[in-house]
C-alpha atoms as a PDB file:
ATOM      1  CA  MET A   1      56.077  63.450 188.033  1.00  0.00           C
ATOM      2  CA  ILE A   2      56.042  62.541 191.714  1.00  0.00           C
ATOM      3  CA  THR A   3      53.009  64.144 193.372  1.00  0.00           C
ATOM      4  CA  ASN A   4      52.326  65.216 196.942  1.00  0.00           C
ATOM      5  CA  ARG A   5      50.761  61.868 197.708  1.00  0.00           C
ATOM      6  CA  ARG A   6      52.585  59.555 200.061  1.00  0.00           C
ATOM      7  CA  ILE A   7      55.280  57.622 198.230  1.00  0.00           C
ATOM      8  CA  PRO A   8      55.111  53.914 199.091  1.00  0.00           C
ATOM      9  CA  LEU A   9      58.139  52.733 201.031  1.00  0.00           C
ATOM     10  CA  SER A  10      58.608  49.978 198.490  1.00  0.00           C
ATOM     11  CA  TYR A  11      59.364  52.416 195.645  1.00  0.00           C
ATOM     12  CA  PRO A  12      62.851  53.610 196.730  1.00  0.00           C
ATOM     13  CA  PHE A  13      63.808  50.062 197.678  1.00  0.00           C
ATOM     14  CA  ILE A  14      62.706  48.791 194.266  1.00  0.00           C
ATOM     15  CA  LEU A  15      65.119  51.279 192.686  1.00  0.00           C
ATOM     16  CA  VAL A  16      68.131  49.958 194.597  1.00  0.00           C
ATOM     17  CA  LYS A  17      67.186  46.377 195.491  1.00  0.00           C
ATOM     18  CA  TRP A  18      69.787  44.703 193.274  1.00  0.00           C
ATOM     19  CA  ASP A  19      72.577  47.030 194.396  1.00  0.00           C
ATOM     20  CA  ILE A  20      71.748  46.440 198.061  1.00  0.00           C
ATOM     21  CA  LEU A  21      71.540  42.681 197.501  1.00  0.00           C
ATOM     22  CA  PHE A  22      74.928  42.669 195.783  1.00  0.00           C
ATOM     23  CA  THR A  23      76.352  44.750 198.624  1.00  0.00           C
ATOM     24  CA  ALA A  24      75.082  42.207 201.160  1.00  0.00           C
ATOM     25  CA  ILE A  25      76.611  39.328 199.171  1.00  0.00           C
ATOM     26  CA  PHE A  26      80.092  40.752 198.691  1.00  0.00           C
ATOM     27  CA  SER A  27      80.277  42.190 202.219  1.00  0.00           C
ATOM     28  CA  THR A  28      79.393  38.754 203.611  1.00  0.00           C
ATOM     29  CA  GLY A  29      82.122  37.199 201.454  1.00  0.00           C
ATOM     30  CA  ILE A  30      84.708  39.770 202.543  1.00  0.00           C
ATOM     31  CA  HIS A  31      83.763  39.310 206.194  1.00  0.00           C
ATOM     32  CA  LEU A  32      84.085  35.516 206.013  1.00  0.00           C
ATOM     33  CA  LEU A  33      87.404  35.697 204.153  1.00  0.00           C
ATOM     34  CA  GLY A  34      88.777  38.193 206.630  1.00  0.00           C
ATOM     35  CA  LYS A  35      87.633  36.187 209.616  1.00  0.00           C
ATOM     36  CA  TYR A  36      88.587  32.640 208.625  1.00  0.00           C
ATOM     37  CA  ILE A  37      91.169  32.771 205.802  1.00  0.00           C
ATOM     38  CA  VAL A  38      93.010  36.061 205.300  1.00  0.00           C
ATOM     39  CA  HIS A  39      93.179  38.457 208.218  1.00  0.00           C
ATOM     40  CA  TRP A  40      93.120  41.840 206.561  1.00  0.00           C
ATOM     41  CA  SER A  41      92.206  45.284 207.738  1.00  0.00           C
ATOM     42  CA  LEU A  42      92.392  48.805 206.339  1.00  0.00           C
ATOM     43  CA  PRO A  43      92.312  52.116 208.196  1.00  0.00           C
ATOM     44  CA  ILE A  44      88.841  53.645 208.256  1.00  0.00           C
ATOM     45  CA  SER A  45      90.288  56.983 207.090  1.00  0.00           C
ATOM     46  CA  ILE A  46      90.710  55.638 203.538  1.00  0.00           C
ATOM     47  CA  ALA A  47      87.022  54.789 203.286  1.00  0.00           C
ATOM     48  CA  ALA A  48      86.090  58.128 204.874  1.00  0.00           C
ATOM     49  CA  PHE A  49      88.152  60.071 202.329  1.00  0.00           C
ATOM     50  CA  LEU A  50      86.764  58.125 199.358  1.00  0.00           C
ATOM     51  CA  GLY A  51      83.202  58.400 200.672  1.00  0.00           C
ATOM     52  CA  THR A  52      83.520  62.177 200.965  1.00  0.00           C
ATOM     53  CA  ALA A  53      84.841  62.453 197.403  1.00  0.00           C
ATOM     54  CA  ILE A  54      82.006  60.291 196.050  1.00  0.00           C
ATOM     55  CA  ALA A  55      79.426  62.368 197.928  1.00  0.00           C
ATOM     56  CA  LEU A  56      80.738  65.534 196.263  1.00  0.00           C
ATOM     57  CA  ILE A  57      80.699  63.971 192.790  1.00  0.00           C
ATOM     58  CA  LEU A  58      77.228  62.560 193.424  1.00  0.00           C
ATOM     59  CA  SER A  59      75.873  65.939 194.492  1.00  0.00           C
ATOM     60  CA  PHE A  60      77.319  67.495 191.332  1.00  0.00           C
ATOM     61  CA  LYS A  61      75.685  64.825 189.146  1.00  0.00           C
ATOM     62  CA  LEU A  62      72.369  65.240 190.960  1.00  0.00           C
ATOM     63  CA  SER A  63      72.521  68.986 190.338  1.00  0.00           C
ATOM     64  CA  GLN A  64      73.205  68.444 186.623  1.00  0.00           C
ATOM     65  CA  SER A  65      70.331  65.972 186.345  1.00  0.00           C
ATOM     66  CA  TYR A  66      67.931  68.304 188.134  1.00  0.00           C
ATOM     67  CA  ASP A  67      68.883  71.123 185.768  1.00  0.00           C
ATOM     68  CA  ARG A  68      67.814  68.965 182.815  1.00  0.00           C
ATOM     69  CA  TRP A  69      64.577  67.965 184.566  1.00  0.00           C
ATOM     70  CA  TRP A  70      63.765  71.573 185.444  1.00  0.00           C
ATOM     71  CA  GLU A  71      64.591  72.774 181.923  1.00  0.00           C
ATOM     72  CA  ALA A  72      62.112  70.208 180.569  1.00  0.00           C
ATOM     73  CA  ARG A  73      59.451  71.509 182.933  1.00  0.00           C
ATOM     74  CA  LYS A  74      60.127  75.105 181.875  1.00  0.00           C
ATOM     75  CA  ILE A  75      59.838  74.116 178.223  1.00  0.00           C
ATOM     76  CA  TRP A  76      56.399  72.649 178.831  1.00  0.00           C
ATOM     77  CA  GLY A  77      55.462  75.726 180.827  1.00  0.00           C
ATOM     78  CA  ALA A  78      56.314  77.812 177.753  1.00  0.00           C
ATOM     79  CA  ILE A  79      54.199  75.471 175.616  1.00  0.00           C
ATOM     80  CA  VAL A  80      51.234  76.094 177.927  1.00  0.00           C
ATOM     81  CA  ASN A  81      51.662  79.855 177.615  1.00  0.00           C
ATOM     82  CA  ASP A  82      52.149  79.892 173.847  1.00  0.00           C
ATOM     83  CA  SER A  83      49.212  77.540 173.245  1.00  0.00           C
ATOM     84  CA  ARG A  84      46.924  79.915 175.119  1.00  0.00           C
ATOM     85  CA  THR A  85      48.470  82.917 173.370  1.00  0.00           C
ATOM     86  CA  LEU A  86      47.951  81.441 169.900  1.00  0.00           C
ATOM     87  CA  ILE A  87      44.219  80.967 170.386  1.00  0.00           C
ATOM     88  CA  THR A  88      43.617  84.268 172.184  1.00  0.00           C
ATOM     89  CA  GLN A  89      45.409  86.037 169.325  1.00  0.00           C
ATOM     90  CA  LEU A  90      43.252  84.280 166.736  1.00  0.00           C
ATOM     91  CA  LEU A  91      40.096  85.105 168.668  1.00  0.00           C
ATOM     92  CA  ALA A  92      41.089  88.773 168.796  1.00  0.00           C
ATOM     93  CA  PHE A  93      42.518  89.105 165.279  1.00  0.00           C
ATOM     94  CA  SER A  94      40.023  87.093 163.201  1.00  0.00           C
ATOM     95  CA  GLU A  95      36.654  87.478 164.863  1.00  0.00           C
ATOM     96  CA  SER A  96      34.905  86.869 161.540  1.00  0.00           C
ATOM     97  CA  ASP A  97      36.512  83.460 160.981  1.00  0.00           C
ATOM     98  CA  VAL A  98      35.526  81.395 163.993  1.00  0.00           C
ATOM     99  CA  LYS A  99      35.829  78.179 161.992  1.00  0.00           C
ATOM    100  CA  THR A 100      39.562  78.595 161.376  1.00  0.00           C
ATOM    101  CA  THR A 101      40.154  79.566 165.005  1.00  0.00           C
ATOM    102  CA  GLU A 102      38.412  76.419 166.202  1.00  0.00           C
ATOM    103  CA  LYS A 103      40.307  74.331 163.668  1.00  0.00           C
ATOM    104  CA  VAL A 104      43.651  75.668 164.913  1.00  0.00           C
ATOM    105  CA  ALA A 105      42.570  75.271 168.547  1.00  0.00           C
ATOM    106  CA  TYR A 106      41.717  71.592 168.129  1.00  0.00           C
ATOM    107  CA  ARG A 107      44.891  71.000 166.152  1.00  0.00           C
ATOM    108  CA  GLN A 108      46.910  72.648 168.924  1.00  0.00           C
ATOM    109  CA  MET A 109      45.326  70.295 171.462  1.00  0.00           C
ATOM    110  CA  GLY A 110      46.325  67.354 169.287  1.00  0.00           C
ATOM    111  CA  TRP A 111      49.809  68.818 168.847  1.00  0.00           C
ATOM    112  CA  CYS A 112      50.416  68.837 172.598  1.00  0.00           C
ATOM    113  CA  TYR A 113      49.442  65.186 172.960  1.00  0.00           C
ATOM    114  CA  ALA A 114      51.390  64.214 169.830  1.00  0.00           C
ATOM    115  CA  LEU A 115      54.527  65.981 171.072  1.00  0.00           C
ATOM    116  CA  GLY A 116      54.362  64.165 174.406  1.00  0.00           C
ATOM    117  CA  GLN A 117      53.941  60.808 172.694  1.00  0.00           C
ATOM    118  CA  ASN A 118      56.729  61.614 170.238  1.00  0.00           C
ATOM    119  CA  LEU A 119      59.168  62.496 173.019  1.00  0.00           C
ATOM    120  CA  ARG A 120      58.359  59.212 174.753  1.00  0.00           C
ATOM    121  CA  LYS A 121      58.995  57.326 171.501  1.00  0.00           C
ATOM    122  CA  LEU A 122      55.373  56.172 171.498  1.00  0.00           C
ATOM    123  CA  ASP A 123      52.687  56.422 168.822  1.00  0.00           C
ATOM    124  CA  ALA A 124      52.328  60.152 168.124  1.00  0.00           C
ATOM    125  CA  THR A 125      49.094  59.568 166.188  1.00  0.00           C
ATOM    126  CA  LYS A 126      47.291  58.144 169.219  1.00  0.00           C
ATOM    127  CA  GLU A 127      43.944  59.975 169.539  1.00  0.00           C
ATOM    128  CA  LEU A 128      45.091  62.582 166.993  1.00  0.00           C
ATOM    129  CA  SER A 129      42.036  61.801 164.859  1.00  0.00           C
ATOM    130  CA  ASN A 130      39.909  63.321 167.645  1.00  0.00           C
ATOM    131  CA  TYR A 131      41.442  66.756 166.995  1.00  0.00           C
ATOM    132  CA  VAL A 132      41.945  67.061 163.229  1.00  0.00           C
ATOM    133  CA  SER A 133      39.856  66.272 160.166  1.00  0.00           C
ATOM    134  CA  GLU A 134      40.090  62.878 158.491  1.00  0.00           C
ATOM    135  CA  ALA A 135      41.798  64.352 155.422  1.00  0.00           C
ATOM    136  CA  GLU A 136      44.365  66.168 157.549  1.00  0.00           C
ATOM    137  CA  TYR A 137      44.916  63.064 159.672  1.00  0.00           C
ATOM    138  CA  GLN A 138      45.685  60.980 156.581  1.00  0.00           C
ATOM    139  CA  SER A 139      48.079  63.644 155.310  1.00  0.00           C
ATOM    140  CA  VAL A 140      49.864  64.250 158.606  1.00  0.00           C
ATOM    141  CA  THR A 141      50.402  60.604 159.514  1.00  0.00           C
ATOM    142  CA  LYS A 142      52.530  60.076 156.405  1.00  0.00           C
ATOM    143  CA  HIS A 143      55.314  62.083 158.041  1.00  0.00           C
ATOM    144  CA  GLN A 144      57.856  60.944 160.612  1.00  0.00           C
ATOM    145  CA  ASN A 145      57.728  64.059 162.796  1.00  0.00           C
ATOM    146  CA  ILE A 146      53.986  64.491 163.417  1.00  0.00           C
ATOM    147  CA  PRO A 147      54.221  67.575 165.705  1.00  0.00           C
ATOM    148  CA  LEU A 148      56.336  69.435 163.154  1.00  0.00           C
ATOM    149  CA  VAL A 149      53.783  68.857 160.384  1.00  0.00           C
ATOM    150  CA  LEU A 150      50.972  70.062 162.647  1.00  0.00           C
ATOM    151  CA  LEU A 151      52.839  73.329 163.214  1.00  0.00           C
ATOM    152  CA  LYS A 152      53.257  73.644 159.456  1.00  0.00           C
ATOM    153  CA  GLU A 153      49.474  73.353 159.124  1.00  0.00           C
ATOM    154  CA  HIS A 154      49.140  76.186 161.664  1.00  0.00           C
ATOM    155  CA  SER A 155      51.375  78.377 159.510  1.00  0.00           C
ATOM    156  CA  LEU A 156      49.420  77.544 156.361  1.00  0.00           C
ATOM    157  CA  ASP A 157      46.130  78.498 158.027  1.00  0.00           C
ATOM    158  CA  ILE A 158      47.628  81.779 159.248  1.00  0.00           C
ATOM    159  CA  ALA A 159      48.927  82.554 155.745  1.00  0.00           C
ATOM    160  CA  LYS A 160      45.478  81.796 154.334  1.00  0.00           C
ATOM    161  CA  LEU A 161      43.851  84.221 156.774  1.00  0.00           C
ATOM    162  CA  PHE A 162      46.265  86.933 155.613  1.00  0.00           C
ATOM    163  CA  LYS A 163      45.647  86.233 151.916  1.00  0.00           C
ATOM    164  CA  GLU A 164      41.896  86.432 152.480  1.00  0.00           C
ATOM    165  CA  GLY A 165      42.316  89.793 154.220  1.00  0.00           C
ATOM    166  CA  LYS A 166      41.004  88.556 157.555  1.00  0.00           C
ATOM    167  CA  ILE A 167      44.186  89.587 159.371  1.00  0.00           C
ATOM    168  CA  ASN A 168      46.749  92.267 158.547  1.00  0.00           C
ATOM    169  CA  ALA A 169      50.522  91.887 158.131  1.00  0.00           C
ATOM    170  CA  TYR A 170      51.253  92.856 161.735  1.00  0.00           C
ATOM    171  CA  GLN A 171      48.776  90.313 163.072  1.00  0.00           C
ATOM    172  CA  GLN A 172      50.209  87.635 160.808  1.00  0.00           C
ATOM    173  CA  ALA A 173      53.689  88.395 162.144  1.00  0.00           C
ATOM    174  CA  GLN A 174      52.430  88.085 165.730  1.00  0.00           C
ATOM    175  CA  LEU A 175      50.768  84.735 165.024  1.00  0.00           C
ATOM    176  CA  ASP A 176      53.823  83.436 163.167  1.00  0.00           C
ATOM    177  CA  SER A 177      55.987  84.489 166.101  1.00  0.00           C
ATOM    178  CA  THR A 178      53.846  82.406 168.464  1.00  0.00           C
ATOM    179  CA  VAL A 179      54.081  79.357 166.181  1.00  0.00           C
ATOM    180  CA  THR A 180      57.848  79.905 165.970  1.00  0.00           C
ATOM    181  CA  ARG A 181      58.099  79.837 169.766  1.00  0.00           C
ATOM    182  CA  LEU A 182      56.132  76.581 169.841  1.00  0.00           C
ATOM    183  CA  ASN A 183      58.564  75.180 167.284  1.00  0.00           C
ATOM    184  CA  ALA A 184      61.508  76.362 169.383  1.00  0.00           C
ATOM    185  CA  SER A 185      60.069  74.716 172.504  1.00  0.00           C
ATOM    186  CA  MET A 186      59.655  71.480 170.580  1.00  0.00           C
ATOM    187  CA  GLY A 187      63.267  71.687 169.414  1.00  0.00           C
ATOM    188  CA  MET A 188      64.546  72.267 172.947  1.00  0.00           C
ATOM    189  CA  ALA A 189      62.571  69.284 174.226  1.00  0.00           C
ATOM    190  CA  GLU A 190      63.947  67.124 171.406  1.00  0.00           C
ATOM    191  CA  ARG A 191      67.470  68.257 172.283  1.00  0.00           C
ATOM    192  CA  ILE A 192      67.026  67.038 175.852  1.00  0.00           C
ATOM    193  CA  LYS A 193      65.521  63.786 174.595  1.00  0.00           C
ATOM    194  CA  ASN A 194      68.323  63.084 172.121  1.00  0.00           C
ATOM    195  CA  THR A 195      71.283  64.222 174.238  1.00  0.00           C
ATOM    196  CA  TYR A 196      72.462  61.527 176.617  1.00  0.00           C
ATOM    197  CA  PHE A 197      74.768  61.722 179.578  1.00  0.00           C
ATOM    198  CA  PRO A 198      78.038  59.936 178.700  1.00  0.00           C
ATOM    199  CA  LYS A 199      77.632  56.345 179.898  1.00  0.00           C
ATOM    200  CA  PRO A 200      81.216  56.092 181.253  1.00  0.00           C
ATOM    201  CA  TYR A 201      80.336  58.920 183.670  1.00  0.00           C
ATOM    202  CA  ARG A 202      77.679  56.812 185.368  1.00  0.00           C
ATOM    203  CA  LEU A 203      79.694  53.572 185.209  1.00  0.00           C
ATOM    204  CA  THR A 204      82.702  55.280 186.791  1.00  0.00           C
ATOM    205  CA  LEU A 205      80.557  56.659 189.597  1.00  0.00           C
ATOM    206  CA  GLN A 206      79.016  53.237 190.246  1.00  0.00           C
ATOM    207  CA  PHE A 207      82.464  51.627 190.246  1.00  0.00           C
ATOM    208  CA  PHE A 208      83.771  54.029 192.886  1.00  0.00           C
ATOM    209  CA  ILE A 209      80.666  53.560 195.035  1.00  0.00           C
ATOM    210  CA  TYR A 210      81.308  49.816 195.057  1.00  0.00           C
ATOM    211  CA  LEU A 211      85.024  50.394 195.638  1.00  0.00           C
ATOM    212  CA  PHE A 212      84.163  52.591 198.610  1.00  0.00           C
ATOM    213  CA  LEU A 213      81.915  49.874 200.047  1.00  0.00           C
ATOM    214  CA  VAL A 214      84.606  47.214 199.562  1.00  0.00           C
ATOM    215  CA  ILE A 215      87.214  49.358 201.320  1.00  0.00           C
ATOM    216  CA  LEU A 216      84.734  50.162 204.077  1.00  0.00           C
ATOM    217  CA  SER A 217      83.979  46.460 204.460  1.00  0.00           C
ATOM    218  CA  LEU A 218      87.706  45.737 204.784  1.00  0.00           C
ATOM    219  CA  SER A 219      87.896  48.415 207.466  1.00  0.00           C
ATOM    220  CA  LEU A 220      85.119  46.803 209.520  1.00  0.00           C
ATOM    221  CA  THR A 221      86.250  43.164 209.513  1.00  0.00           C
ATOM    222  CA  GLU A 222      86.726  43.196 213.284  1.00  0.00           C
ATOM    223  CA  MET A 223      83.047  43.902 213.795  1.00  0.00           C
ATOM    224  CA  ASP A 224      80.485  41.182 214.288  1.00  0.00           C
ATOM    225  CA  ASN A 225      78.935  40.147 210.970  1.00  0.00           C
ATOM    226  CA  PHE A 226      75.434  40.730 212.381  1.00  0.00           C
ATOM    227  CA  VAL A 227      76.429  44.388 212.780  1.00  0.00           C
ATOM    228  CA  GLU A 228      78.816  44.933 209.865  1.00  0.00           C
ATOM    229  CA  ILE A 229      76.620  43.709 207.021  1.00  0.00           C
ATOM    230  CA  PRO A 230      73.434  45.636 207.990  1.00  0.00           C
ATOM    231  CA  LEU A 231      75.590  48.705 208.658  1.00  0.00           C
ATOM    232  CA  LEU A 232      77.128  48.501 205.183  1.00  0.00           C
ATOM    233  CA  MET A 233      73.680  48.140 203.622  1.00  0.00           C
ATOM    234  CA  VAL A 234      72.427  51.215 205.489  1.00  0.00           C
ATOM    235  CA  ILE A 235      75.490  53.232 204.421  1.00  0.00           C
ATOM    236  CA  ALA A 236      75.141  52.037 200.815  1.00  0.00           C
ATOM    237  CA  LEU A 237      71.443  52.931 200.604  1.00  0.00           C
ATOM    238  CA  PRO A 238      71.729  56.756 200.258  1.00  0.00           C
ATOM    239  CA  PHE A 239      74.613  56.480 197.772  1.00  0.00           C
ATOM    240  CA  PHE A 240      72.749  54.101 195.477  1.00  0.00           C
ATOM    241  CA  LEU A 241      69.415  55.858 195.930  1.00  0.00           C
ATOM    242  CA  LEU A 242      70.778  59.292 195.029  1.00  0.00           C
ATOM    243  CA  GLU A 243      72.627  57.826 192.050  1.00  0.00           C
ATOM    244  CA  LYS A 244      69.422  56.171 190.810  1.00  0.00           C
ATOM    245  CA  ILE A 245      67.401  59.374 191.293  1.00  0.00           C
ATOM    246  CA  ALA A 246      70.012  61.373 189.369  1.00  0.00           C
ATOM    247  CA  PHE A 247      69.898  58.792 186.591  1.00  0.00           C
ATOM    248  CA  ARG A 248      66.081  58.848 186.404  1.00  0.00           C
ATOM    249  CA  ILE A 249      65.571  62.617 186.364  1.00  0.00           C
ATOM    250  CA  GLN A 250      68.321  63.309 183.821  1.00  0.00           C
ATOM    251  CA  ASP A 251      66.008  61.894 181.126  1.00  0.00           C
ATOM    252  CA  PRO A 252      62.582  63.467 181.806  1.00  0.00           C
ATOM    253  CA  PHE A 253      60.778  62.072 178.740  1.00  0.00           C
ATOM    254  CA  GLU A 254      61.003  58.315 179.350  1.00  0.00           C
ATOM    255  CA  ASN A 255      57.466  57.577 180.593  1.00  0.00           C
ATOM    256  CA  ARG A 256      58.636  56.963 184.174  1.00  0.00           C
ATOM    257  CA  PRO A 257      57.272  58.230 187.520  1.00  0.00           C
ATOM    258  CA  MET A 258      59.851  61.029 187.845  1.00  0.00           C
ATOM    259  CA  ASP A 259      59.277  62.351 184.309  1.00  0.00           C
ATOM    260  CA  THR A 260      57.709  65.617 183.194  1.00  0.00           C
ATOM    261  CA  PRO A 261      53.911  65.064 183.271  1.00  0.00           C
ATOM    262  CA  MET A 262      53.376  65.837 179.593  1.00  0.00           C
ATOM    263  CA  THR A 263      49.992  64.133 179.265  1.00  0.00           C
ATOM    264  CA  ALA A 264      48.623  65.962 182.310  1.00  0.00           C
ATOM    265  CA  ILE A 265      49.941  69.278 180.967  1.00  0.00           C
ATOM    266  CA  ALA A 266      48.423  68.550 177.546  1.00  0.00           C
ATOM    267  CA  ARG A 267      45.076  67.901 179.229  1.00  0.00           C
ATOM    268  CA  THR A 268      45.321  71.258 181.022  1.00  0.00           C
ATOM    269  CA  ILE A 269      46.000  72.959 177.689  1.00  0.00           C
ATOM    270  CA  GLU A 270      43.037  71.172 176.120  1.00  0.00           C
ATOM    271  CA  ILE A 271      40.736  72.358 178.906  1.00  0.00           C
ATOM    272  CA  ASN A 272      41.968  75.944 178.543  1.00  0.00           C
ATOM    273  CA  LEU A 273      41.585  76.023 174.763  1.00  0.00           C
ATOM    274  CA  ARG A 274      38.138  74.432 174.771  1.00  0.00           C
ATOM    275  CA  GLN A 275      36.991  77.057 177.258  1.00  0.00           C
ATOM    276  CA  LEU A 276      38.449  79.843 175.104  1.00  0.00           C
ATOM    277  CA  ILE A 277      36.433  78.731 172.063  1.00  0.00           C
ATOM    278  CA  ASP A 278      33.311  78.106 174.187  1.00  0.00           C
ATOM    279  CA  ASP A 279      33.318  74.360 173.606  1.00  0.00           C
ATOM    280  CA  PRO A 280      30.852  72.747 176.052  1.00  0.00           C
ATOM    281  CA  ASN A 281      32.712  69.407 175.999  1.00  0.00           C
ATOM    282  CA  ILE A 282      35.264  70.152 178.699  1.00  0.00           C
ATOM    283  CA  PRO A 283      37.236  67.113 179.901  1.00  0.00           C
ATOM    284  CA  LYS A 284      38.260  66.757 183.526  1.00  0.00           C
ATOM    285  CA  PRO A 285      41.877  67.359 184.562  1.00  0.00           C
ATOM    286  CA  LEU A 286      43.983  64.241 184.841  1.00  0.00           C
ATOM    287  CA  THR A 287      44.357  63.062 188.413  1.00  0.00           C
ATOM    288  CA  SER A 288      46.678  60.462 189.822  1.00  0.00           C
ATOM    289  CA  ARG A 289      45.547  57.322 191.573  1.00  0.00           C
ATOM    290  CA  THR A 290      49.119  56.592 192.565  1.00  0.00           C
ATOM    291  CA  PHE A 291      52.024  58.696 193.836  1.00  0.00           C
ATOM    292  CA  TYR A 292      52.901  60.031 190.379  1.00  0.00           C
ATOM    293  CA  ILE A 293      51.228  61.470 187.298  1.00  0.00           C
ATOM    294  CA  LEU A 294      52.261  61.345 183.658  1.00  0.00           C
END
């Protein structure tokens, strides 16, 4: 996620450098052809109309992409709340079984990290051994969906507490409800991860942006090339930049600067849960040394 730190000027230009370079190349070619070989010219109104239409479509796409990004952030906000709720419920309901509460708390910390890694298509078992027992680690890592198995272990521990008479039926239902919400949040995050914007949508938008720039270039052939080409590049910059931003934020679990900061959120959850169970080994919150945090 982009933080409040100053974004280096190079970052937006890195996003659009190839598009701007291609714009400079074809606008130079059009200008030279129009000046020395074929004398063509189009009314500026055509480019103005097309540019307005593209701006409207681009704003709609940006809004759709932001909705996905914001939904991802809300999902992780719910995970924060339910992680805290799960442990506070256990602390209140099963005061006599501190060991199980701590076991679930550490597993929940590992679950948050594992879910983030899983959504990024990275190794979900990374550092998981720090939060679960060796036997559980060996059992869990045999499965494809690590976070799902960890939630199953939560449910088994809750059922065991009920069978041993350490919690009543109502308390078990409350705890199961919290685990169910965590499962639902995981499912919603996986839906965002596995649902892609139709590729033709983006390709069509890019095509019309380039078409707009070609028509605009044909409308400005009478201008001096030292003015026309830089002007086209300046006009192209916001179109390409907004399109790239929309493309980046529509997939918020790709391990990129604009993504949901899942690792940082997982660290916050870990700090909260360790404090709830009076663990003295409290890690520091993740901080960014750059303009973004993951």
